[in-house]
Amino acid sequence: TDLDVSDEDQLDLFDTLDVDGGGTIDLEELVVGICKLRGDARRSDIVGVGLIVRSIQMALTRFEETAMEMLQTQEQALRCMQDGRKMPSRFRSKSVTSQV
């Protein structure tokens, strides 16, 4: 612990320092990463993480909404097919629509 890096951080040190996930750490990544791991988190670090978390939450919400819309559309199309009804054009792909 000569570097003043906590025991918890030492366990995942390589993954923490390998920012780009490339499986290697260059000298700059090592020096910058070790400096950031030393001591308590700064207010700017905490604010930065909060902003990143908020951005991820918004992206996940948009993804969930899009996925739910797609699932509902597929469910409606399947029900039409099960009932033997002709599917509305919005459910048909372009190749099927051009053949009908």
PDB file of N, CA and C in Angstrom:
ATOM      1  N   THR A   1       0.819  -1.202   0.000  1.00  0.00           N
ATOM      2  CA  THR A   1       0.000   0.000   0.000  1.00  0.00           C
ATOM      3  C   THR A   1       0.860   1.263   0.000  1.00  0.00           C
ATOM      4  N   ASP A   2       2.076   1.195  -0.518  1.00  0.00           N
ATOM      5  CA  ASP A   2       2.928   2.378  -0.631  1.00  0.00           C
ATOM      6  C   ASP A   2       2.287   3.445  -1.508  1.00  0.00           C
ATOM      7  N   LEU A   3       1.409   3.013  -2.394  1.00  0.00           N
ATOM      8  CA  LEU A   3       0.742   3.960  -3.295  1.00  0.00           C
ATOM      9  C   LEU A   3      -0.508   4.562  -2.679  1.00  0.00           C
ATOM     10  N   ASP A   4      -0.860   4.171  -1.476  1.00  0.00           N
ATOM     11  CA  ASP A   4      -2.062   4.654  -0.792  1.00  0.00           C
ATOM     12  C   ASP A   4      -3.318   4.279  -1.575  1.00  0.00           C
ATOM     13  N   VAL A   5      -3.332   3.045  -2.106  1.00  0.00           N
ATOM     14  CA  VAL A   5      -4.497   2.516  -2.821  1.00  0.00           C
ATOM     15  C   VAL A   5      -5.179   1.529  -1.883  1.00  0.00           C
ATOM     16  N   SER A   6      -6.485   1.678  -1.686  1.00  0.00           N
ATOM     17  CA  SER A   6      -7.202   0.829  -0.746  1.00  0.00           C
ATOM     18  C   SER A   6      -7.154  -0.636  -1.178  1.00  0.00           C
ATOM     19  N   ASP A   7      -7.360  -1.527  -0.199  1.00  0.00           N
ATOM     20  CA  ASP A   7      -7.340  -2.968  -0.487  1.00  0.00           C
ATOM     21  C   ASP A   7      -8.404  -3.343  -1.511  1.00  0.00           C
ATOM     22  N   GLU A   8      -9.596  -2.749  -1.401  1.00  0.00           N
ATOM     23  CA  GLU A   8     -10.682  -3.058  -2.349  1.00  0.00           C
ATOM     24  C   GLU A   8     -10.286  -2.668  -3.777  1.00  0.00           C
ATOM     25  N   ASP A   9      -9.638  -1.509  -3.919  1.00  0.00           N
ATOM     26  CA  ASP A   9      -9.230  -1.049  -5.245  1.00  0.00           C
ATOM     27  C   ASP A   9      -8.106  -1.899  -5.817  1.00  0.00           C
ATOM     28  N   GLN A  10      -7.258  -2.460  -4.949  1.00  0.00           N
ATOM     29  CA  GLN A  10      -6.142  -3.275  -5.430  1.00  0.00           C
ATOM     30  C   GLN A  10      -6.629  -4.548  -6.108  1.00  0.00           C
ATOM     31  N   LEU A  11      -7.746  -5.097  -5.643  1.00  0.00           N
ATOM     32  CA  LEU A  11      -8.257  -6.339  -6.216  1.00  0.00           C
ATOM     33  C   LEU A  11      -8.626  -6.188  -7.685  1.00  0.00           C
ATOM     34  N   ASP A  12      -9.204  -5.056  -8.053  1.00  0.00           N
ATOM     35  CA  ASP A  12      -9.641  -4.827  -9.431  1.00  0.00           C
ATOM     36  C   ASP A  12      -8.802  -3.757 -10.107  1.00  0.00           C
ATOM     37  N   LEU A  13      -7.580  -3.599  -9.673  1.00  0.00           N
ATOM     38  CA  LEU A  13      -6.739  -2.513 -10.151  1.00  0.00           C
ATOM     39  C   LEU A  13      -6.535  -2.555 -11.667  1.00  0.00           C
ATOM     40  N   PHE A  14      -6.247  -3.726 -12.213  1.00  0.00           N
ATOM     41  CA  PHE A  14      -5.998  -3.807 -13.657  1.00  0.00           C
ATOM     42  C   PHE A  14      -7.231  -3.375 -14.444  1.00  0.00           C
ATOM     43  N   ASP A  15      -8.401  -3.915 -14.077  1.00  0.00           N
ATOM     44  CA  ASP A  15      -9.630  -3.558 -14.787  1.00  0.00           C
ATOM     45  C   ASP A  15      -9.939  -2.077 -14.643  1.00  0.00           C
ATOM     46  N   THR A  16      -9.644  -1.525 -13.490  1.00  0.00           N
ATOM     47  CA  THR A  16      -9.882  -0.103 -13.257  1.00  0.00           C
ATOM     48  C   THR A  16      -8.977   0.757 -14.128  1.00  0.00           C
ATOM     49  N   LEU A  17      -7.735   0.355 -14.267  1.00  0.00           N
ATOM     50  CA  LEU A  17      -6.765   1.144 -15.031  1.00  0.00           C
ATOM     51  C   LEU A  17      -6.904   0.942 -16.536  1.00  0.00           C
ATOM     52  N   ASP A  18      -7.398  -0.194 -16.952  1.00  0.00           N
ATOM     53  CA  ASP A  18      -7.570  -0.493 -18.384  1.00  0.00           C
ATOM     54  C   ASP A  18      -8.855   0.167 -18.867  1.00  0.00           C
ATOM     55  N   VAL A  19      -8.818   1.478 -18.994  1.00  0.00           N
ATOM     56  CA  VAL A  19     -10.008   2.271 -19.285  1.00  0.00           C
ATOM     57  C   VAL A  19     -10.664   1.869 -20.598  1.00  0.00           C
ATOM     58  N   ASP A  20      -9.875   1.616 -21.630  1.00  0.00           N
ATOM     59  CA  ASP A  20     -10.449   1.295 -22.940  1.00  0.00           C
ATOM     60  C   ASP A  20     -10.794  -0.184 -23.096  1.00  0.00           C
ATOM     61  N   GLY A  21     -10.515  -0.998 -22.083  1.00  0.00           N
ATOM     62  CA  GLY A  21     -10.850  -2.416 -22.149  1.00  0.00           C
ATOM     63  C   GLY A  21     -10.018  -3.201 -23.133  1.00  0.00           C
ATOM     64  N   GLY A  22      -8.873  -2.660 -23.541  1.00  0.00           N
ATOM     65  CA  GLY A  22      -8.044  -3.303 -24.544  1.00  0.00           C
ATOM     66  C   GLY A  22      -7.189  -4.449 -24.038  1.00  0.00           C
ATOM     67  N   GLY A  23      -7.158  -4.653 -22.727  1.00  0.00           N
ATOM     68  CA  GLY A  23      -6.364  -5.750 -22.185  1.00  0.00           C
ATOM     69  C   GLY A  23      -4.927  -5.371 -21.902  1.00  0.00           C
ATOM     70  N   THR A  24      -4.563  -4.118 -22.151  1.00  0.00           N
ATOM     71  CA  THR A  24      -3.224  -3.626 -21.836  1.00  0.00           C
ATOM     72  C   THR A  24      -3.338  -2.266 -21.168  1.00  0.00           C
ATOM     73  N   ILE A  25      -2.297  -1.910 -20.456  1.00  0.00           N
ATOM     74  CA  ILE A  25      -2.251  -0.600 -19.797  1.00  0.00           C
ATOM     75  C   ILE A  25      -0.974   0.083 -20.235  1.00  0.00           C
ATOM     76  N   ASP A  26      -1.101   1.273 -20.823  1.00  0.00           N
ATOM     77  CA  ASP A  26       0.107   2.004 -21.191  1.00  0.00           C
ATOM     78  C   ASP A  26       0.540   2.865 -20.006  1.00  0.00           C
ATOM     79  N   LEU A  27       1.695   3.486 -20.109  1.00  0.00           N
ATOM     80  CA  LEU A  27       2.271   4.233 -19.000  1.00  0.00           C
ATOM     81  C   LEU A  27       1.361   5.370 -18.550  1.00  0.00           C
ATOM     82  N   GLU A  28       0.759   6.076 -19.498  1.00  0.00           N
ATOM     83  CA  GLU A  28      -0.120   7.196 -19.143  1.00  0.00           C
ATOM     84  C   GLU A  28      -1.348   6.709 -18.363  1.00  0.00           C
ATOM     85  N   GLU A  29      -1.966   5.608 -18.837  1.00  0.00           N
ATOM     86  CA  GLU A  29      -3.112   5.043 -18.116  1.00  0.00           C
ATOM     87  C   GLU A  29      -2.719   4.663 -16.691  1.00  0.00           C
ATOM     88  N   LEU A  30      -1.530   4.096 -16.542  1.00  0.00           N
ATOM     89  CA  LEU A  30      -1.065   3.672 -15.225  1.00  0.00           C
ATOM     90  C   LEU A  30      -0.883   4.863 -14.287  1.00  0.00           C
ATOM     91  N   VAL A  31      -0.176   5.882 -14.752  1.00  0.00           N
ATOM     92  CA  VAL A  31       0.113   7.041 -13.902  1.00  0.00           C
ATOM     93  C   VAL A  31      -1.165   7.797 -13.557  1.00  0.00           C
ATOM     94  N   VAL A  32      -1.998   8.083 -14.551  1.00  0.00           N
ATOM     95  CA  VAL A  32      -3.248   8.810 -14.303  1.00  0.00           C
ATOM     96  C   VAL A  32      -4.170   8.005 -13.413  1.00  0.00           C
ATOM     97  N   GLY A  33      -4.276   6.719 -13.668  1.00  0.00           N
ATOM     98  CA  GLY A  33      -5.158   5.863 -12.878  1.00  0.00           C
ATOM     99  C   GLY A  33      -4.733   5.752 -11.431  1.00  0.00           C
ATOM    100  N   ILE A  34      -3.451   5.559 -11.189  1.00  0.00           N
ATOM    101  CA  ILE A  34      -2.955   5.462  -9.813  1.00  0.00           C
ATOM    102  C   ILE A  34      -3.192   6.780  -9.075  1.00  0.00           C
ATOM    103  N   CYS A  35      -2.964   7.891  -9.747  1.00  0.00           N
ATOM    104  CA  CYS A  35      -3.200   9.200  -9.108  1.00  0.00           C
ATOM    105  C   CYS A  35      -4.663   9.376  -8.734  1.00  0.00           C
ATOM    106  N   LYS A  36      -5.560   8.907  -9.575  1.00  0.00           N
ATOM    107  CA  LYS A  36      -6.985   9.056  -9.288  1.00  0.00           C
ATOM    108  C   LYS A  36      -7.440   8.137  -8.161  1.00  0.00           C
ATOM    109  N   LEU A  37      -6.754   7.012  -7.976  1.00  0.00           N
ATOM    110  CA  LEU A  37      -7.144   6.069  -6.933  1.00  0.00           C
ATOM    111  C   LEU A  37      -6.662   6.488  -5.544  1.00  0.00           C
ATOM    112  N   ARG A  38      -5.753   7.411  -5.479  1.00  0.00           N
ATOM    113  CA  ARG A  38      -5.190   7.814  -4.185  1.00  0.00           C
ATOM    114  C   ARG A  38      -6.170   8.689  -3.426  1.00  0.00           C
ATOM    115  N   GLY A  39      -6.296   8.436  -2.150  1.00  0.00           N
ATOM    116  CA  GLY A  39      -7.064   9.305  -1.271  1.00  0.00           C
ATOM    117  C   GLY A  39      -8.565   9.253  -1.519  1.00  0.00           C
ATOM    118  N   ASP A  40      -9.247  10.181  -0.889  1.00  0.00           N
ATOM    119  CA  ASP A  40     -10.700  10.262  -0.981  1.00  0.00           C
ATOM    120  C   ASP A  40     -11.131  10.829  -2.329  1.00  0.00           C
ATOM    121  N   ALA A  41     -12.382  10.513  -2.686  1.00  0.00           N
ATOM    122  CA  ALA A  41     -12.943  11.048  -3.925  1.00  0.00           C
ATOM    123  C   ALA A  41     -13.139  12.550  -3.789  1.00  0.00           C
ATOM    124  N   ARG A  42     -12.834  13.264  -4.863  1.00  0.00           N
ATOM    125  CA  ARG A  42     -13.069  14.709  -4.877  1.00  0.00           C
ATOM    126  C   ARG A  42     -14.512  14.965  -5.261  1.00  0.00           C
ATOM    127  N   ARG A  43     -14.993  16.140  -4.936  1.00  0.00           N
ATOM    128  CA  ARG A  43     -16.362  16.519  -5.270  1.00  0.00           C
ATOM    129  C   ARG A  43     -16.597  16.399  -6.777  1.00  0.00           C
ATOM    130  N   SER A  44     -15.629  16.794  -7.580  1.00  0.00           N
ATOM    131  CA  SER A  44     -15.776  16.713  -9.035  1.00  0.00           C
ATOM    132  C   SER A  44     -15.914  15.263  -9.500  1.00  0.00           C
ATOM    133  N   ASP A  45     -15.230  14.337  -8.819  1.00  0.00           N
ATOM    134  CA  ASP A  45     -15.357  12.916  -9.153  1.00  0.00           C
ATOM    135  C   ASP A  45     -16.776  12.432  -8.887  1.00  0.00           C
ATOM    136  N   ILE A  46     -17.302  12.833  -7.734  1.00  0.00           N
ATOM    137  CA  ILE A  46     -18.646  12.402  -7.344  1.00  0.00           C
ATOM    138  C   ILE A  46     -19.696  12.985  -8.290  1.00  0.00           C
ATOM    139  N   VAL A  47     -19.552  14.253  -8.627  1.00  0.00           N
ATOM    140  CA  VAL A  47     -20.488  14.893  -9.559  1.00  0.00           C
ATOM    141  C   VAL A  47     -20.395  14.230 -10.932  1.00  0.00           C
ATOM    142  N   GLY A  48     -19.173  13.949 -11.379  1.00  0.00           N
ATOM    143  CA  GLY A  48     -18.984  13.298 -12.678  1.00  0.00           C
ATOM    144  C   GLY A  48     -19.641  11.935 -12.745  1.00  0.00           C
ATOM    145  N   VAL A  49     -19.479  11.149 -11.695  1.00  0.00           N
ATOM    146  CA  VAL A  49     -20.107   9.828 -11.646  1.00  0.00           C
ATOM    147  C   VAL A  49     -21.629   9.968 -11.633  1.00  0.00           C
ATOM    148  N   GLY A  50     -22.137  10.940 -10.881  1.00  0.00           N
ATOM    149  CA  GLY A  50     -23.586  11.175 -10.853  1.00  0.00           C
ATOM    150  C   GLY A  50     -24.135  11.503 -12.224  1.00  0.00           C
ATOM    151  N   LEU A  51     -23.412  12.319 -12.982  1.00  0.00           N
ATOM    152  CA  LEU A  51     -23.855  12.680 -14.339  1.00  0.00           C
ATOM    153  C   LEU A  51     -23.831  11.471 -15.267  1.00  0.00           C
ATOM    154  N   ILE A  52     -22.816  10.654 -15.135  1.00  0.00           N
ATOM    155  CA  ILE A  52     -22.721   9.453 -15.963  1.00  0.00           C
ATOM    156  C   ILE A  52     -23.867   8.499 -15.639  1.00  0.00           C
ATOM    157  N   VAL A  53     -24.148   8.323 -14.354  1.00  0.00           N
ATOM    158  CA  VAL A  53     -25.242   7.443 -13.943  1.00  0.00           C
ATOM    159  C   VAL A  53     -26.567   7.962 -14.491  1.00  0.00           C
ATOM    160  N   ARG A  54     -26.794   9.262 -14.394  1.00  0.00           N
ATOM    161  CA  ARG A  54     -28.037   9.844 -14.918  1.00  0.00           C
ATOM    162  C   ARG A  54     -28.163   9.611 -16.423  1.00  0.00           C
ATOM    163  N   SER A  55     -27.064   9.777 -17.149  1.00  0.00           N
ATOM    164  CA  SER A  55     -27.074   9.555 -18.595  1.00  0.00           C
ATOM    165  C   SER A  55     -27.402   8.098 -18.923  1.00  0.00           C
ATOM    166  N   ILE A  56     -26.821   7.176 -18.180  1.00  0.00           N
ATOM    167  CA  ILE A  56     -27.091   5.756 -18.403  1.00  0.00           C
ATOM    168  C   ILE A  56     -28.539   5.430 -18.080  1.00  0.00           C
ATOM    169  N   GLN A  57     -29.066   6.015 -17.011  1.00  0.00           N
ATOM    170  CA  GLN A  57     -30.469   5.777 -16.659  1.00  0.00           C
ATOM    171  C   GLN A  57     -31.395   6.255 -17.769  1.00  0.00           C
ATOM    172  N   MET A  58     -31.114   7.425 -18.335  1.00  0.00           N
ATOM    173  CA  MET A  58     -31.957   7.945 -19.415  1.00  0.00           C
ATOM    174  C   MET A  58     -31.871   7.054 -20.650  1.00  0.00           C
ATOM    175  N   ALA A  59     -30.674   6.581 -20.968  1.00  0.00           N
ATOM    176  CA  ALA A  59     -30.514   5.696 -22.123  1.00  0.00           C
ATOM    177  C   ALA A  59     -31.258   4.386 -21.909  1.00  0.00           C
ATOM    178  N   LEU A  60     -31.198   3.839 -20.696  1.00  0.00           N
ATOM    179  CA  LEU A  60     -31.915   2.599 -20.400  1.00  0.00           C
ATOM    180  C   LEU A  60     -33.428   2.795 -20.464  1.00  0.00           C
ATOM    181  N   THR A  61     -33.896   3.943 -20.011  1.00  0.00           N
ATOM    182  CA  THR A  61     -35.332   4.233 -20.081  1.00  0.00           C
ATOM    183  C   THR A  61     -35.783   4.291 -21.534  1.00  0.00           C
ATOM    184  N   ARG A  62     -35.014   4.968 -22.389  1.00  0.00           N
ATOM    185  CA  ARG A  62     -35.359   5.035 -23.820  1.00  0.00           C
ATOM    186  C   ARG A  62     -35.339   3.646 -24.446  1.00  0.00           C
ATOM    187  N   PHE A  63     -34.338   2.842 -24.090  1.00  0.00           N
ATOM    188  CA  PHE A  63     -34.248   1.480 -24.604  1.00  0.00           C
ATOM    189  C   PHE A  63     -35.461   0.662 -24.174  1.00  0.00           C
ATOM    190  N   GLU A  64     -35.822   0.771 -22.906  1.00  0.00           N
ATOM    191  CA  GLU A  64     -36.967   0.023 -22.394  1.00  0.00           C
ATOM    192  C   GLU A  64     -38.248   0.420 -23.120  1.00  0.00           C
ATOM    193  N   GLU A  65     -38.446   1.716 -23.332  1.00  0.00           N
ATOM    194  CA  GLU A  65     -39.648   2.179 -24.028  1.00  0.00           C
ATOM    195  C   GLU A  65     -39.696   1.645 -25.453  1.00  0.00           C
ATOM    196  N   THR A  66     -38.569   1.702 -26.140  1.00  0.00           N
ATOM    197  CA  THR A  66     -38.504   1.203 -27.522  1.00  0.00           C
ATOM    198  C   THR A  66     -38.746  -0.299 -27.568  1.00  0.00           C
ATOM    199  N   ALA A  67     -38.126  -1.040 -26.648  1.00  0.00           N
ATOM    200  CA  ALA A  67     -38.300  -2.490 -26.613  1.00  0.00           C
ATOM    201  C   ALA A  67     -39.752  -2.862 -26.330  1.00  0.00           C
ATOM    202  N   MET A  68     -40.395  -2.140 -25.410  1.00  0.00           N
ATOM    203  CA  MET A  68     -41.796  -2.422 -25.094  1.00  0.00           C
ATOM    204  C   MET A  68     -42.703  -2.143 -26.294  1.00  0.00           C
ATOM    205  N   GLU A  69     -42.441  -1.052 -27.001  1.00  0.00           N
ATOM    206  CA  GLU A  69     -43.227  -0.745 -28.203  1.00  0.00           C
ATOM    207  C   GLU A  69     -43.076  -1.851 -29.244  1.00  0.00           C
ATOM    208  N   MET A  70     -41.856  -2.311 -29.431  1.00  0.00           N
ATOM    209  CA  MET A  70     -41.614  -3.370 -30.415  1.00  0.00           C
ATOM    210  C   MET A  70     -42.304  -4.667 -29.999  1.00  0.00           C
ATOM    211  N   LEU A  71     -42.237  -4.994 -28.715  1.00  0.00           N
ATOM    212  CA  LEU A  71     -42.890  -6.209 -28.240  1.00  0.00           C
ATOM    213  C   LEU A  71     -44.411  -6.126 -28.398  1.00  0.00           C
ATOM    214  N   GLN A  72     -44.982  -4.968 -28.131  1.00  0.00           N
ATOM    215  CA  GLN A  72     -46.426  -4.802 -28.279  1.00  0.00           C
ATOM    216  C   GLN A  72     -46.831  -4.928 -29.743  1.00  0.00           C
ATOM    217  N   THR A  73     -46.038  -4.378 -30.631  1.00  0.00           N
ATOM    218  CA  THR A  73     -46.315  -4.488 -32.063  1.00  0.00           C
ATOM    219  C   THR A  73     -46.238  -5.941 -32.510  1.00  0.00           C
ATOM    220  N   GLN A  74     -45.243  -6.660 -32.038  1.00  0.00           N
ATOM    221  CA  GLN A  74     -45.110  -8.079 -32.388  1.00  0.00           C
ATOM    222  C   GLN A  74     -46.263  -8.900 -31.818  1.00  0.00           C
ATOM    223  N   GLU A  75     -46.677  -8.569 -30.610  1.00  0.00           N
ATOM    224  CA  GLU A  75     -47.802  -9.280 -29.998  1.00  0.00           C
ATOM    225  C   GLU A  75     -49.077  -9.074 -30.822  1.00  0.00           C
ATOM    226  N   GLN A  76     -49.310  -7.844 -31.264  1.00  0.00           N
ATOM    227  CA  GLN A  76     -50.488  -7.567 -32.086  1.00  0.00           C
ATOM    228  C   GLN A  76     -50.422  -8.314 -33.413  1.00  0.00           C
ATOM    229  N   ALA A  77     -49.246  -8.354 -34.006  1.00  0.00           N
ATOM    230  CA  ALA A  77     -49.084  -9.061 -35.274  1.00  0.00           C
ATOM    231  C   ALA A  77     -49.327 -10.560 -35.093  1.00  0.00           C
ATOM    232  N   LEU A  78     -48.822 -11.126 -34.021  1.00  0.00           N
ATOM    233  CA  LEU A  78     -49.038 -12.551 -33.760  1.00  0.00           C
ATOM    234  C   LEU A  78     -50.516 -12.859 -33.529  1.00  0.00           C
ATOM    235  N   ARG A  79     -51.199 -11.977 -32.833  1.00  0.00           N
ATOM    236  CA  ARG A  79     -52.631 -12.196 -32.611  1.00  0.00           C
ATOM    237  C   ARG A  79     -53.404 -12.161 -33.921  1.00  0.00           C
ATOM    238  N   CYS A  80     -53.041 -11.262 -34.793  1.00  0.00           N
ATOM    239  CA  CYS A  80     -53.680 -11.207 -36.112  1.00  0.00           C
ATOM    240  C   CYS A  80     -53.440 -12.505 -36.867  1.00  0.00           C
ATOM    241  N   MET A  81     -52.215 -12.998 -36.806  1.00  0.00           N
ATOM    242  CA  MET A  81     -51.885 -14.234 -37.516  1.00  0.00           C
ATOM    243  C   MET A  81     -52.641 -15.414 -36.913  1.00  0.00           C
ATOM    244  N   GLN A  82     -52.747 -15.462 -35.583  1.00  0.00           N
ATOM    245  CA  GLN A  82     -53.449 -16.559 -34.923  1.00  0.00           C
ATOM    246  C   GLN A  82     -54.938 -16.538 -35.245  1.00  0.00           C
ATOM    247  N   ASP A  83     -55.510 -15.349 -35.369  1.00  0.00           N
ATOM    248  CA  ASP A  83     -56.932 -15.213 -35.656  1.00  0.00           C
ATOM    249  C   ASP A  83     -57.240 -15.409 -37.140  1.00  0.00           C
ATOM    250  N   GLY A  84     -56.185 -15.533 -37.951  1.00  0.00           N
ATOM    251  CA  GLY A  84     -56.385 -15.718 -39.379  1.00  0.00           C
ATOM    252  C   GLY A  84     -56.754 -14.430 -40.099  1.00  0.00           C
ATOM    253  N   ARG A  85     -56.581 -13.309 -39.429  1.00  0.00           N
ATOM    254  CA  ARG A  85     -56.881 -12.024 -40.063  1.00  0.00           C
ATOM    255  C   ARG A  85     -55.673 -11.545 -40.848  1.00  0.00           C
ATOM    256  N   LYS A  86     -55.969 -10.723 -41.821  1.00  0.00           N
ATOM    257  CA  LYS A  86     -54.901 -10.109 -42.587  1.00  0.00           C
ATOM    258  C   LYS A  86     -54.249  -9.051 -41.705  1.00  0.00           C
ATOM    259  N   MET A  87     -52.932  -9.047 -41.683  1.00  0.00           N
ATOM    260  CA  MET A  87     -52.221  -8.098 -40.846  1.00  0.00           C
ATOM    261  C   MET A  87     -52.287  -6.708 -41.460  1.00  0.00           C
ATOM    262  N   PRO A  88     -52.458  -5.677 -40.631  1.00  0.00           N
ATOM    263  CA  PRO A  88     -52.388  -4.311 -41.134  1.00  0.00           C
ATOM    264  C   PRO A  88     -51.024  -4.056 -41.761  1.00  0.00           C
ATOM    265  N   SER A  89     -50.948  -3.154 -42.688  1.00  0.00           N
ATOM    266  CA  SER A  89     -49.712  -2.911 -43.433  1.00  0.00           C
ATOM    267  C   SER A  89     -48.549  -2.499 -42.542  1.00  0.00           C
ATOM    268  N   ARG A  90     -48.828  -1.892 -41.399  1.00  0.00           N
ATOM    269  CA  ARG A  90     -47.719  -1.461 -40.539  1.00  0.00           C
ATOM    270  C   ARG A  90     -46.960  -2.648 -39.946  1.00  0.00           C
ATOM    271  N   PHE A  91     -47.576  -3.855 -39.952  1.00  0.00           N
ATOM    272  CA  PHE A  91     -46.923  -5.039 -39.423  1.00  0.00           C
ATOM    273  C   PHE A  91     -46.138  -5.797 -40.488  1.00  0.00           C
ATOM    274  N   ARG A  92     -46.428  -5.525 -41.740  1.00  0.00           N
ATOM    275  CA  ARG A  92     -45.799  -6.275 -42.819  1.00  0.00           C
ATOM    276  C   ARG A  92     -44.480  -5.640 -43.212  1.00  0.00           C
ATOM    277  N   SER A  93     -43.522  -6.481 -43.559  1.00  0.00           N
ATOM    278  CA  SER A  93     -42.251  -5.941 -44.042  1.00  0.00           C
ATOM    279  C   SER A  93     -42.448  -5.459 -45.465  1.00  0.00           C
ATOM    280  N   LYS A  94     -41.506  -4.685 -45.950  1.00  0.00           N
ATOM    281  CA  LYS A  94     -41.621  -4.118 -47.299  1.00  0.00           C
ATOM    282  C   LYS A  94     -41.693  -5.209 -48.362  1.00  0.00           C
ATOM    283  N   SER A  95     -40.954  -6.289 -48.159  1.00  0.00           N
ATOM    284  CA  SER A  95     -40.947  -7.351 -49.169  1.00  0.00           C
ATOM    285  C   SER A  95     -42.311  -8.043 -49.222  1.00  0.00           C
ATOM    286  N   VAL A  96     -42.972  -8.201 -48.083  1.00  0.00           N
ATOM    287  CA  VAL A  96     -44.297  -8.824 -48.063  1.00  0.00           C
ATOM    288  C   VAL A  96     -45.318  -7.856 -48.643  1.00  0.00           C
ATOM    289  N   THR A  97     -45.224  -6.572 -48.296  1.00  0.00           N
ATOM    290  CA  THR A  97     -46.165  -5.573 -48.776  1.00  0.00           C
ATOM    291  C   THR A  97     -46.118  -5.465 -50.288  1.00  0.00           C
ATOM    292  N   SER A  98     -44.933  -5.539 -50.878  1.00  0.00           N
ATOM    293  CA  SER A  98     -44.826  -5.392 -52.324  1.00  0.00           C
ATOM    294  C   SER A  98     -45.403  -6.594 -53.064  1.00  0.00           C
ATOM    295  N   GLN A  99     -45.480  -7.753 -52.408  1.00  0.00           N
ATOM    296  CA  GLN A  99     -46.012  -8.935 -53.043  1.00  0.00           C
ATOM    297  C   GLN A  99     -47.518  -8.983 -52.979  1.00  0.00           C
ATOM    298  N   VAL A 100     -48.129  -8.265 -52.006  1.00  0.00           N
ATOM    299  CA  VAL A 100     -49.593  -8.333 -51.808  1.00  0.00           C
ATOM    300  C   VAL A 100     -50.310  -7.416 -52.729  1.00  0.00           C
TER     301      VAL A 100
END
